[in-house]
Amino acid sequence: ASQIITINATVAASLVDGTLIVTPIRVTATDMEDTINLQHTT
């Protein structure tokens, strides 16, 4: 099975060109022997 999550996030005003928006995502589950840690950069 797959599950999709969608988020429409508002970007703050007056950010300087070249700024990086780095979003950490963490996924866990029962009895999972590790944590999934990913990042997305815009």
PDB file of all heavy atoms in Angstrom:
ATOM      1  N   ALA A   1       0.827  -1.209   0.000  1.00  0.00           N
ATOM      2  CA  ALA A   1       0.000   0.000   0.000  1.00  0.00           C
ATOM      3  C   ALA A   1       0.858   1.254   0.000  1.00  0.00           C
ATOM      4  O   ALA A   1       1.988   1.269   0.493  1.00  0.00           O
ATOM      5  CB  ALA A   1      -0.914   0.006   1.218  1.00  0.00           C
ATOM      6  N   SER A   2       0.290   2.335  -0.551  1.00  0.00           N
ATOM      7  CA  SER A   2       0.932   3.649  -0.521  1.00  0.00           C
ATOM      8  C   SER A   2      -0.022   4.661   0.102  1.00  0.00           C
ATOM      9  O   SER A   2      -1.243   4.542  -0.035  1.00  0.00           O
ATOM     10  CB  SER A   2       1.311   4.109  -1.929  1.00  0.00           C
ATOM     11  OG  SER A   2       2.328   3.319  -2.471  1.00  0.00           O
ATOM     12  N   GLN A   3       0.539   5.620   0.785  1.00  0.00           N
ATOM     13  CA  GLN A   3      -0.234   6.721   1.370  1.00  0.00           C
ATOM     14  C   GLN A   3       0.400   8.024   0.918  1.00  0.00           C
ATOM     15  O   GLN A   3       1.625   8.193   1.001  1.00  0.00           O
ATOM     16  CB  GLN A   3      -0.223   6.636   2.890  1.00  0.00           C
ATOM     17  CG  GLN A   3      -0.922   7.781   3.596  1.00  0.00           C
ATOM     18  CD  GLN A   3      -2.434   7.688   3.464  1.00  0.00           C
ATOM     19  OE1 GLN A   3      -3.037   6.673   3.783  1.00  0.00           O
ATOM     20  NE2 GLN A   3      -3.050   8.773   3.005  1.00  0.00           N
ATOM     21  N   ILE A   4      -0.440   8.954   0.436  1.00  0.00           N
ATOM     22  CA  ILE A   4       0.057  10.246  -0.056  1.00  0.00           C
ATOM     23  C   ILE A   4      -0.392  11.357   0.891  1.00  0.00           C
ATOM     24  O   ILE A   4      -1.567  11.431   1.268  1.00  0.00           O
ATOM     25  CB  ILE A   4      -0.444  10.520  -1.483  1.00  0.00           C
ATOM     26  CG1 ILE A   4       0.133   9.482  -2.455  1.00  0.00           C
ATOM     27  CG2 ILE A   4      -0.057  11.927  -1.938  1.00  0.00           C
ATOM     28  CD1 ILE A   4      -0.408   9.593  -3.858  1.00  0.00           C
ATOM     29  N   ILE A   5       0.545  12.216   1.261  1.00  0.00           N
ATOM     30  CA  ILE A   5       0.276  13.408   2.067  1.00  0.00           C
ATOM     31  C   ILE A   5       0.587  14.619   1.194  1.00  0.00           C
ATOM     32  O   ILE A   5       1.657  14.690   0.577  1.00  0.00           O
ATOM     33  CB  ILE A   5       1.149  13.436   3.329  1.00  0.00           C
ATOM     34  CG1 ILE A   5       0.847  12.220   4.218  1.00  0.00           C
ATOM     35  CG2 ILE A   5       0.961  14.734   4.101  1.00  0.00           C
ATOM     36  CD1 ILE A   5       1.859  12.021   5.333  1.00  0.00           C
ATOM     37  N   THR A   6      -0.349  15.572   1.129  1.00  0.00           N
ATOM     38  CA  THR A   6      -0.095  16.806   0.383  1.00  0.00           C
ATOM     39  C   THR A   6      -0.160  17.999   1.329  1.00  0.00           C
ATOM     40  O   THR A   6      -0.987  18.037   2.247  1.00  0.00           O
ATOM     41  CB  THR A   6      -1.101  16.990  -0.762  1.00  0.00           C
ATOM     42  OG1 THR A   6      -2.430  17.023  -0.226  1.00  0.00           O
ATOM     43  CG2 THR A   6      -0.986  15.865  -1.771  1.00  0.00           C
ATOM     44  N   ILE A   7       0.714  18.972   1.092  1.00  0.00           N
ATOM     45  CA  ILE A   7       0.793  20.182   1.924  1.00  0.00           C
ATOM     46  C   ILE A   7       0.982  21.368   1.001  1.00  0.00           C
ATOM     47  O   ILE A   7       1.925  21.389   0.182  1.00  0.00           O
ATOM     48  CB  ILE A   7       1.988  20.118   2.897  1.00  0.00           C
ATOM     49  CG1 ILE A   7       1.960  18.828   3.727  1.00  0.00           C
ATOM     50  CG2 ILE A   7       2.006  21.348   3.814  1.00  0.00           C
ATOM     51  CD1 ILE A   7       3.294  18.487   4.352  1.00  0.00           C
ATOM     52  N   ASN A   8       0.098  22.365   1.106  1.00  0.00           N
ATOM     53  CA  ASN A   8       0.274  23.622   0.391  1.00  0.00           C
ATOM     54  C   ASN A   8       0.795  24.654   1.387  1.00  0.00           C
ATOM     55  O   ASN A   8       0.027  25.257   2.128  1.00  0.00           O
ATOM     56  CB  ASN A   8      -1.045  24.096  -0.216  1.00  0.00           C
ATOM     57  CG  ASN A   8      -1.368  23.375  -1.500  1.00  0.00           C
ATOM     58  OD1 ASN A   8      -0.550  22.642  -2.033  1.00  0.00           O
ATOM     59  ND2 ASN A   8      -2.576  23.567  -2.006  1.00  0.00           N
ATOM     60  N   ALA A   9       2.105  24.824   1.417  1.00  0.00           N
ATOM     61  CA  ALA A   9       2.735  25.700   2.398  1.00  0.00           C
ATOM     62  C   ALA A   9       2.935  27.100   1.832  1.00  0.00           C
ATOM     63  O   ALA A   9       3.307  27.258   0.660  1.00  0.00           O
ATOM     64  CB  ALA A   9       4.078  25.121   2.830  1.00  0.00           C
ATOM     65  N   THR A  10       2.691  28.114   2.656  1.00  0.00           N
ATOM     66  CA  THR A  10       2.912  29.507   2.270  1.00  0.00           C
ATOM     67  C   THR A  10       4.341  29.902   2.580  1.00  0.00           C
ATOM     68  O   THR A  10       4.820  29.713   3.708  1.00  0.00           O
ATOM     69  CB  THR A  10       1.951  30.444   3.006  1.00  0.00           C
ATOM     70  OG1 THR A  10       0.602  30.077   2.683  1.00  0.00           O
ATOM     71  CG2 THR A  10       2.181  31.890   2.608  1.00  0.00           C
ATOM     72  N   VAL A  11       5.011  30.454   1.589  1.00  0.00           N
ATOM     73  CA  VAL A  11       6.403  30.898   1.758  1.00  0.00           C
ATOM     74  C   VAL A  11       6.400  32.291   2.378  1.00  0.00           C
ATOM     75  O   VAL A  11       5.607  33.164   1.988  1.00  0.00           O
ATOM     76  CB  VAL A  11       7.128  30.902   0.403  1.00  0.00           C
ATOM     77  CG1 VAL A  11       8.580  31.333   0.569  1.00  0.00           C
ATOM     78  CG2 VAL A  11       7.039  29.531  -0.255  1.00  0.00           C
ATOM     79  N   ALA A  12       7.255  32.514   3.346  1.00  0.00           N
ATOM     80  CA  ALA A  12       7.343  33.817   3.995  1.00  0.00           C
ATOM     81  C   ALA A  12       7.682  34.913   2.988  1.00  0.00           C
ATOM     82  O   ALA A  12       8.272  34.653   1.932  1.00  0.00           O
ATOM     83  CB  ALA A  12       8.391  33.781   5.109  1.00  0.00           C
ATOM     84  N   ALA A  13       7.304  36.130   3.328  1.00  0.00           N
ATOM     85  CA  ALA A  13       7.567  37.272   2.449  1.00  0.00           C
ATOM     86  C   ALA A  13       9.003  37.765   2.620  1.00  0.00           C
ATOM     87  O   ALA A  13       9.657  37.515   3.637  1.00  0.00           O
ATOM     88  CB  ALA A  13       6.591  38.392   2.758  1.00  0.00           C
ATOM     89  N   SER A  14       9.494  38.461   1.605  1.00  0.00           N
ATOM     90  CA  SER A  14      10.755  39.217   1.667  1.00  0.00           C
ATOM     91  C   SER A  14      11.976  38.349   1.902  1.00  0.00           C
ATOM     92  O   SER A  14      12.958  38.799   2.515  1.00  0.00           O
ATOM     93  CB  SER A  14      10.676  40.302   2.762  1.00  0.00           C
ATOM     94  OG  SER A  14       9.568  41.146   2.528  1.00  0.00           O
ATOM     95  N   LEU A  15      11.950  37.110   1.439  1.00  0.00           N
ATOM     96  CA  LEU A  15      13.146  36.271   1.527  1.00  0.00           C
ATOM     97  C   LEU A  15      14.113  36.642   0.409  1.00  0.00           C
ATOM     98  O   LEU A  15      13.714  36.951  -0.712  1.00  0.00           O
ATOM     99  CB  LEU A  15      12.780  34.796   1.433  1.00  0.00           C
ATOM    100  CG  LEU A  15      11.923  34.231   2.576  1.00  0.00           C
ATOM    101  CD1 LEU A  15      11.551  32.783   2.291  1.00  0.00           C
ATOM    102  CD2 LEU A  15      12.652  34.347   3.912  1.00  0.00           C
ATOM    103  N   VAL A  16      15.383  36.601   0.709  1.00  0.00           N
ATOM    104  CA  VAL A  16      16.420  36.985  -0.244  1.00  0.00           C
ATOM    105  C   VAL A  16      16.615  35.871  -1.274  1.00  0.00           C
ATOM    106  O   VAL A  16      16.589  34.679  -0.935  1.00  0.00           O
ATOM    107  CB  VAL A  16      17.738  37.250   0.509  1.00  0.00           C
ATOM    108  CG1 VAL A  16      18.875  37.552  -0.461  1.00  0.00           C
ATOM    109  CG2 VAL A  16      17.560  38.384   1.499  1.00  0.00           C
ATOM    110  N   ASP A  17      16.811  36.257  -2.532  1.00  0.00           N
ATOM    111  CA  ASP A  17      17.132  35.275  -3.564  1.00  0.00           C
ATOM    112  C   ASP A  17      18.353  34.454  -3.142  1.00  0.00           C
ATOM    113  O   ASP A  17      19.327  34.982  -2.591  1.00  0.00           O
ATOM    114  CB  ASP A  17      17.446  35.971  -4.892  1.00  0.00           C
ATOM    115  CG  ASP A  17      16.188  36.475  -5.588  1.00  0.00           C
ATOM    116  OD1 ASP A  17      15.085  36.233  -5.065  1.00  0.00           O
ATOM    117  OD2 ASP A  17      16.326  37.102  -6.656  1.00  0.00           O
ATOM    118  N   GLY A  18      18.300  33.156  -3.430  1.00  0.00           N
ATOM    119  CA  GLY A  18      19.387  32.256  -3.052  1.00  0.00           C
ATOM    120  C   GLY A  18      19.184  31.576  -1.723  1.00  0.00           C
ATOM    121  O   GLY A  18      19.925  30.650  -1.380  1.00  0.00           O
ATOM    122  N   THR A  19      18.162  32.007  -0.949  1.00  0.00           N
ATOM    123  CA  THR A  19      17.847  31.353   0.325  1.00  0.00           C
ATOM    124  C   THR A  19      17.409  29.920   0.076  1.00  0.00           C
ATOM    125  O   THR A  19      16.667  29.628  -0.861  1.00  0.00           O
ATOM    126  CB  THR A  19      16.725  32.117   1.057  1.00  0.00           C
ATOM    127  OG1 THR A  19      17.177  33.448   1.332  1.00  0.00           O
ATOM    128  CG2 THR A  19      16.337  31.429   2.359  1.00  0.00           C
ATOM    129  N   LEU A  20      17.851  28.999   0.922  1.00  0.00           N
ATOM    130  CA  LEU A  20      17.481  27.594   0.812  1.00  0.00           C
ATOM    131  C   LEU A  20      16.414  27.260   1.853  1.00  0.00           C
ATOM    132  O   LEU A  20      16.573  27.568   3.033  1.00  0.00           O
ATOM    133  CB  LEU A  20      18.703  26.696   1.028  1.00  0.00           C
ATOM    134  CG  LEU A  20      19.895  26.906   0.087  1.00  0.00           C
ATOM    135  CD1 LEU A  20      21.016  25.937   0.436  1.00  0.00           C
ATOM    136  CD2 LEU A  20      19.487  26.753  -1.374  1.00  0.00           C
ATOM    137  N   ILE A  21      15.329  26.642   1.414  1.00  0.00           N
ATOM    138  CA  ILE A  21      14.287  26.152   2.311  1.00  0.00           C
ATOM    139  C   ILE A  21      14.523  24.656   2.489  1.00  0.00           C
ATOM    140  O   ILE A  21      14.299  23.863   1.562  1.00  0.00           O
ATOM    141  CB  ILE A  21      12.877  26.406   1.750  1.00  0.00           C
ATOM    142  CG1 ILE A  21      12.669  27.902   1.503  1.00  0.00           C
ATOM    143  CG2 ILE A  21      11.816  25.857   2.689  1.00  0.00           C
ATOM    144  CD1 ILE A  21      11.333  28.217   0.843  1.00  0.00           C
ATOM    145  N   VAL A  22      15.001  24.268   3.663  1.00  0.00           N
ATOM    146  CA  VAL A  22      15.373  22.877   3.927  1.00  0.00           C
ATOM    147  C   VAL A  22      14.337  22.259   4.861  1.00  0.00           C
ATOM    148  O   VAL A  22      14.155  22.729   5.988  1.00  0.00           O
ATOM    149  CB  VAL A  22      16.781  22.778   4.537  1.00  0.00           C
ATOM    150  CG1 VAL A  22      17.157  21.319   4.757  1.00  0.00           C
ATOM    151  CG2 VAL A  22      17.803  23.466   3.642  1.00  0.00           C
ATOM    152  N   THR A  23      13.661  21.209   4.396  1.00  0.00           N
ATOM    153  CA  THR A  23      12.566  20.593   5.140  1.00  0.00           C
ATOM    154  C   THR A  23      12.929  19.168   5.546  1.00  0.00           C
ATOM    155  O   THR A  23      13.053  18.286   4.690  1.00  0.00           O
ATOM    156  CB  THR A  23      11.289  20.553   4.283  1.00  0.00           C
ATOM    157  OG1 THR A  23      10.981  21.881   3.827  1.00  0.00           O
ATOM    158  CG2 THR A  23      10.118  20.019   5.080  1.00  0.00           C
ATOM    159  N   PRO A  24      13.100  18.907   6.845  1.00  0.00           N
ATOM    160  CA  PRO A  24      13.372  17.540   7.314  1.00  0.00           C
ATOM    161  C   PRO A  24      12.085  16.728   7.436  1.00  0.00           C
ATOM    162  O   PRO A  24      11.075  17.209   7.953  1.00  0.00           O
ATOM    163  CB  PRO A  24      14.001  17.757   8.701  1.00  0.00           C
ATOM    164  CG  PRO A  24      14.285  19.237   8.807  1.00  0.00           C
ATOM    165  CD  PRO A  24      13.282  19.899   7.918  1.00  0.00           C
ATOM    166  N   ILE A  25      12.121  15.491   6.941  1.00  0.00           N
ATOM    167  CA  ILE A  25      11.009  14.539   7.007  1.00  0.00           C
ATOM    168  C   ILE A  25      11.498  13.305   7.771  1.00  0.00           C
ATOM    169  O   ILE A  25      12.573  12.778   7.486  1.00  0.00           O
ATOM    170  CB  ILE A  25      10.540  14.110   5.607  1.00  0.00           C
ATOM    171  CG1 ILE A  25      10.219  15.318   4.722  1.00  0.00           C
ATOM    172  CG2 ILE A  25       9.352  13.151   5.704  1.00  0.00           C
ATOM    173  CD1 ILE A  25       8.985  16.065   5.105  1.00  0.00           C
ATOM    174  N   ARG A  26      10.654  12.835   8.714  1.00  0.00           N
ATOM    175  CA  ARG A  26      11.025  11.693   9.551  1.00  0.00           C
ATOM    176  C   ARG A  26       9.873  10.687   9.514  1.00  0.00           C
ATOM    177  O   ARG A  26       8.717  11.058   9.703  1.00  0.00           O
ATOM    178  CB  ARG A  26      11.278  12.179  10.976  1.00  0.00           C
ATOM    179  CG  ARG A  26      11.649  11.121  12.004  1.00  0.00           C
ATOM    180  CD  ARG A  26      11.761  11.789  13.373  1.00  0.00           C
ATOM    181  NE  ARG A  26      12.063  10.860  14.429  1.00  0.00           N
ATOM    182  CZ  ARG A  26      13.277  10.622  14.903  1.00  0.00           C
ATOM    183  NH1 ARG A  26      14.310  11.263  14.386  1.00  0.00           N
ATOM    184  NH2 ARG A  26      13.477   9.760  15.890  1.00  0.00           N
ATOM    185  N   VAL A  27      10.177   9.408   9.277  1.00  0.00           N
ATOM    186  CA  VAL A  27       9.154   8.369   9.203  1.00  0.00           C
ATOM    187  C   VAL A  27       9.531   7.236  10.147  1.00  0.00           C
ATOM    188  O   VAL A  27      10.676   6.749  10.137  1.00  0.00           O
ATOM    189  CB  VAL A  27       8.990   7.832   7.766  1.00  0.00           C
ATOM    190  CG1 VAL A  27       7.913   6.758   7.712  1.00  0.00           C
ATOM    191  CG2 VAL A  27       8.648   8.977   6.807  1.00  0.00           C
ATOM    192  N   THR A  28       8.568   6.799  10.968  1.00  0.00           N
ATOM    193  CA  THR A  28       8.779   5.688  11.883  1.00  0.00           C
ATOM    194  C   THR A  28       7.613   4.704  11.770  1.00  0.00           C
ATOM    195  O   THR A  28       6.560   5.034  11.225  1.00  0.00           O
ATOM    196  CB  THR A  28       8.882   6.175  13.344  1.00  0.00           C
ATOM    197  OG1 THR A  28       7.703   6.922  13.663  1.00  0.00           O
ATOM    198  CG2 THR A  28      10.103   7.066  13.539  1.00  0.00           C
ATOM    199  N   ALA A  29       7.796   3.494  12.305  1.00  0.00           N
ATOM    200  CA  ALA A  29       6.734   2.481  12.341  1.00  0.00           C
ATOM    201  C   ALA A  29       7.033   1.525  13.480  1.00  0.00           C
ATOM    202  O   ALA A  29       8.184   1.429  13.953  1.00  0.00           O
ATOM    203  CB  ALA A  29       6.646   1.732  11.019  1.00  0.00           C
ATOM    204  N   THR A  30       6.021   0.806  13.922  1.00  0.00           N
ATOM    205  CA  THR A  30       6.183  -0.156  15.006  1.00  0.00           C
ATOM    206  C   THR A  30       7.194  -1.233  14.597  1.00  0.00           C
ATOM    207  O   THR A  30       7.123  -1.783  13.487  1.00  0.00           O
ATOM    208  CB  THR A  30       4.831  -0.813  15.335  1.00  0.00           C
ATOM    209  OG1 THR A  30       3.903   0.212  15.685  1.00  0.00           O
ATOM    210  CG2 THR A  30       4.964  -1.797  16.491  1.00  0.00           C
ATOM    211  N   ASP A  31       8.125  -1.506  15.518  1.00  0.00           N
ATOM    212  CA  ASP A  31       9.152  -2.543  15.331  1.00  0.00           C
ATOM    213  C   ASP A  31      10.125  -2.248  14.196  1.00  0.00           C
ATOM    214  O   ASP A  31      10.877  -3.136  13.780  1.00  0.00           O
ATOM    215  CB  ASP A  31       8.506  -3.924  15.090  1.00  0.00           C
ATOM    216  CG  ASP A  31       7.703  -4.410  16.284  1.00  0.00           C
ATOM    217  OD1 ASP A  31       8.089  -4.080  17.423  1.00  0.00           O
ATOM    218  OD2 ASP A  31       6.683  -5.094  16.079  1.00  0.00           O
ATOM    219  N   MET A  32      10.137  -1.020  13.699  1.00  0.00           N
ATOM    220  CA  MET A  32      11.110  -0.667  12.664  1.00  0.00           C
ATOM    221  C   MET A  32      12.478  -0.495  13.311  1.00  0.00           C
ATOM    222  O   MET A  32      12.614   0.191  14.324  1.00  0.00           O
ATOM    223  CB  MET A  32      10.686   0.606  11.936  1.00  0.00           C
ATOM    224  CG  MET A  32      11.486   0.852  10.673  1.00  0.00           C
ATOM    225  SD  MET A  32      10.678   1.986   9.520  1.00  0.00           S
ATOM    226  CE  MET A  32      10.984   3.568  10.282  1.00  0.00           C
ATOM    227  N   GLU A  33      13.491  -1.129  12.724  1.00  0.00           N
ATOM    228  CA  GLU A  33      14.814  -1.181  13.343  1.00  0.00           C
ATOM    229  C   GLU A  33      15.654   0.049  13.049  1.00  0.00           C
ATOM    230  O   GLU A  33      16.816   0.106  13.439  1.00  0.00           O
ATOM    231  CB  GLU A  33      15.545  -2.447  12.881  1.00  0.00           C
ATOM    232  CG  GLU A  33      16.021  -2.434  11.436  1.00  0.00           C
ATOM    233  CD  GLU A  33      14.904  -2.638  10.418  1.00  0.00           C
ATOM    234  OE1 GLU A  33      13.752  -2.905  10.814  1.00  0.00           O
ATOM    235  OE2 GLU A  33      15.192  -2.519   9.209  1.00  0.00           O
ATOM    236  N   ASP A  34      15.075   1.030  12.418  1.00  0.00           N
ATOM    237  CA  ASP A  34      15.800   2.263  12.122  1.00  0.00           C
ATOM    238  C   ASP A  34      14.786   3.370  11.915  1.00  0.00           C
ATOM    239  O   ASP A  34      13.588   3.122  11.801  1.00  0.00           O
ATOM    240  CB  ASP A  34      16.653   2.090  10.858  1.00  0.00           C
ATOM    241  CG  ASP A  34      17.901   2.949  10.863  1.00  0.00           C
ATOM    242  OD1 ASP A  34      17.853   4.027  11.483  1.00  0.00           O
ATOM    243  OD2 ASP A  34      18.900   2.553  10.269  1.00  0.00           O
ATOM    244  N   THR A  35      15.265   4.590  11.878  1.00  0.00           N
ATOM    245  CA  THR A  35      14.432   5.749  11.591  1.00  0.00           C
ATOM    246  C   THR A  35      14.756   6.243  10.195  1.00  0.00           C
ATOM    247  O   THR A  35      15.927   6.302   9.819  1.00  0.00           O
ATOM    248  CB  THR A  35      14.706   6.875  12.611  1.00  0.00           C
ATOM    249  OG1 THR A  35      14.616   6.349  13.929  1.00  0.00           O
ATOM    250  CG2 THR A  35      13.733   8.006  12.445  1.00  0.00           C
ATOM    251  N   ILE A  36      13.737   6.587   9.436  1.00  0.00           N
ATOM    252  CA  ILE A  36      13.965   7.168   8.110  1.00  0.00           C
ATOM    253  C   ILE A  36      14.043   8.684   8.267  1.00  0.00           C
ATOM    254  O   ILE A  36      13.101   9.322   8.742  1.00  0.00           O
ATOM    255  CB  ILE A  36      12.835   6.786   7.137  1.00  0.00           C
ATOM    256  CG1 ILE A  36      12.801   5.271   6.921  1.00  0.00           C
ATOM    257  CG2 ILE A  36      12.997   7.516   5.804  1.00  0.00           C
ATOM    258  CD1 ILE A  36      11.616   4.791   6.110  1.00  0.00           C
ATOM    259  N   ASN A  37      15.182   9.268   7.911  1.00  0.00           N
ATOM    260  CA  ASN A  37      15.385  10.718   7.985  1.00  0.00           C
ATOM    261  C   ASN A  37      15.819  11.230   6.618  1.00  0.00           C
ATOM    262  O   ASN A  37      16.881  10.837   6.113  1.00  0.00           O
ATOM    263  CB  ASN A  37      16.455  11.061   9.024  1.00  0.00           C
ATOM    264  CG  ASN A  37      15.971  10.891  10.431  1.00  0.00           C
ATOM    265  OD1 ASN A  37      15.237  11.716  10.946  1.00  0.00           O
ATOM    266  ND2 ASN A  37      16.357   9.793  11.065  1.00  0.00           N
ATOM    267  N   LEU A  38      14.997  12.089   6.034  1.00  0.00           N
ATOM    268  CA  LEU A  38      15.292  12.664   4.722  1.00  0.00           C
ATOM    269  C   LEU A  38      15.125  14.178   4.787  1.00  0.00           C
ATOM    270  O   LEU A  38      14.474  14.700   5.699  1.00  0.00           O
ATOM    271  CB  LEU A  38      14.362  12.078   3.659  1.00  0.00           C
ATOM    272  CG  LEU A  38      14.497  10.576   3.389  1.00  0.00           C
ATOM    273  CD1 LEU A  38      13.358  10.086   2.518  1.00  0.00           C
ATOM    274  CD2 LEU A  38      15.842  10.253   2.742  1.00  0.00           C
ATOM    275  N   GLN A  39      15.711  14.873   3.833  1.00  0.00           N
ATOM    276  CA  GLN A  39      15.535  16.327   3.730  1.00  0.00           C
ATOM    277  C   GLN A  39      15.246  16.699   2.286  1.00  0.00           C
ATOM    278  O   GLN A  39      15.773  16.066   1.357  1.00  0.00           O
ATOM    279  CB  GLN A  39      16.779  17.069   4.218  1.00  0.00           C
ATOM    280  CG  GLN A  39      16.994  16.960   5.705  1.00  0.00           C
ATOM    281  CD  GLN A  39      18.071  17.891   6.218  1.00  0.00           C
ATOM    282  OE1 GLN A  39      18.060  18.247   7.380  1.00  0.00           O
ATOM    283  NE2 GLN A  39      19.012  18.295   5.398  1.00  0.00           N
ATOM    284  N   HIS A  40      14.417  17.732   2.114  1.00  0.00           N
ATOM    285  CA  HIS A  40      14.137  18.267   0.777  1.00  0.00           C
ATOM    286  C   HIS A  40      14.496  19.746   0.776  1.00  0.00           C
ATOM    287  O   HIS A  40      14.156  20.485   1.697  1.00  0.00           O
ATOM    288  CB  HIS A  40      12.664  18.092   0.419  1.00  0.00           C
ATOM    289  CG  HIS A  40      12.372  18.463  -1.000  1.00  0.00           C
ATOM    290  ND1 HIS A  40      12.210  19.768  -1.405  1.00  0.00           N
ATOM    291  CD2 HIS A  40      12.225  17.685  -2.116  1.00  0.00           C
ATOM    292  CE1 HIS A  40      11.972  19.797  -2.697  1.00  0.00           C
ATOM    293  NE2 HIS A  40      11.973  18.565  -3.152  1.00  0.00           N
ATOM    294  N   THR A  41      15.201  20.167  -0.259  1.00  0.00           N
ATOM    295  CA  THR A  41      15.664  21.546  -0.353  1.00  0.00           C
ATOM    296  C   THR A  41      15.055  22.247  -1.564  1.00  0.00           C
ATOM    297  O   THR A  41      15.049  21.708  -2.676  1.00  0.00           O
ATOM    298  CB  THR A  41      17.199  21.613  -0.456  1.00  0.00           C
ATOM    299  OG1 THR A  41      17.767  20.978   0.687  1.00  0.00           O
ATOM    300  CG2 THR A  41      17.690  23.047  -0.544  1.00  0.00           C
ATOM    301  N   THR A  42      14.513  23.457  -1.346  1.00  0.00           N
ATOM    302  CA  THR A  42      13.980  24.318  -2.404  1.00  0.00           C
ATOM    303  C   THR A  42      14.648  25.686  -2.276  1.00  0.00           C
ATOM    304  O   THR A  42      14.889  26.163  -1.162  1.00  0.00           O
ATOM    305  CB  THR A  42      12.458  24.467  -2.274  1.00  0.00           C
ATOM    306  OG1 THR A  42      11.853  23.175  -2.322  1.00  0.00           O
ATOM    307  CG2 THR A  42      11.902  25.338  -3.399  1.00  0.00           C
TER     308      THR A  42
END
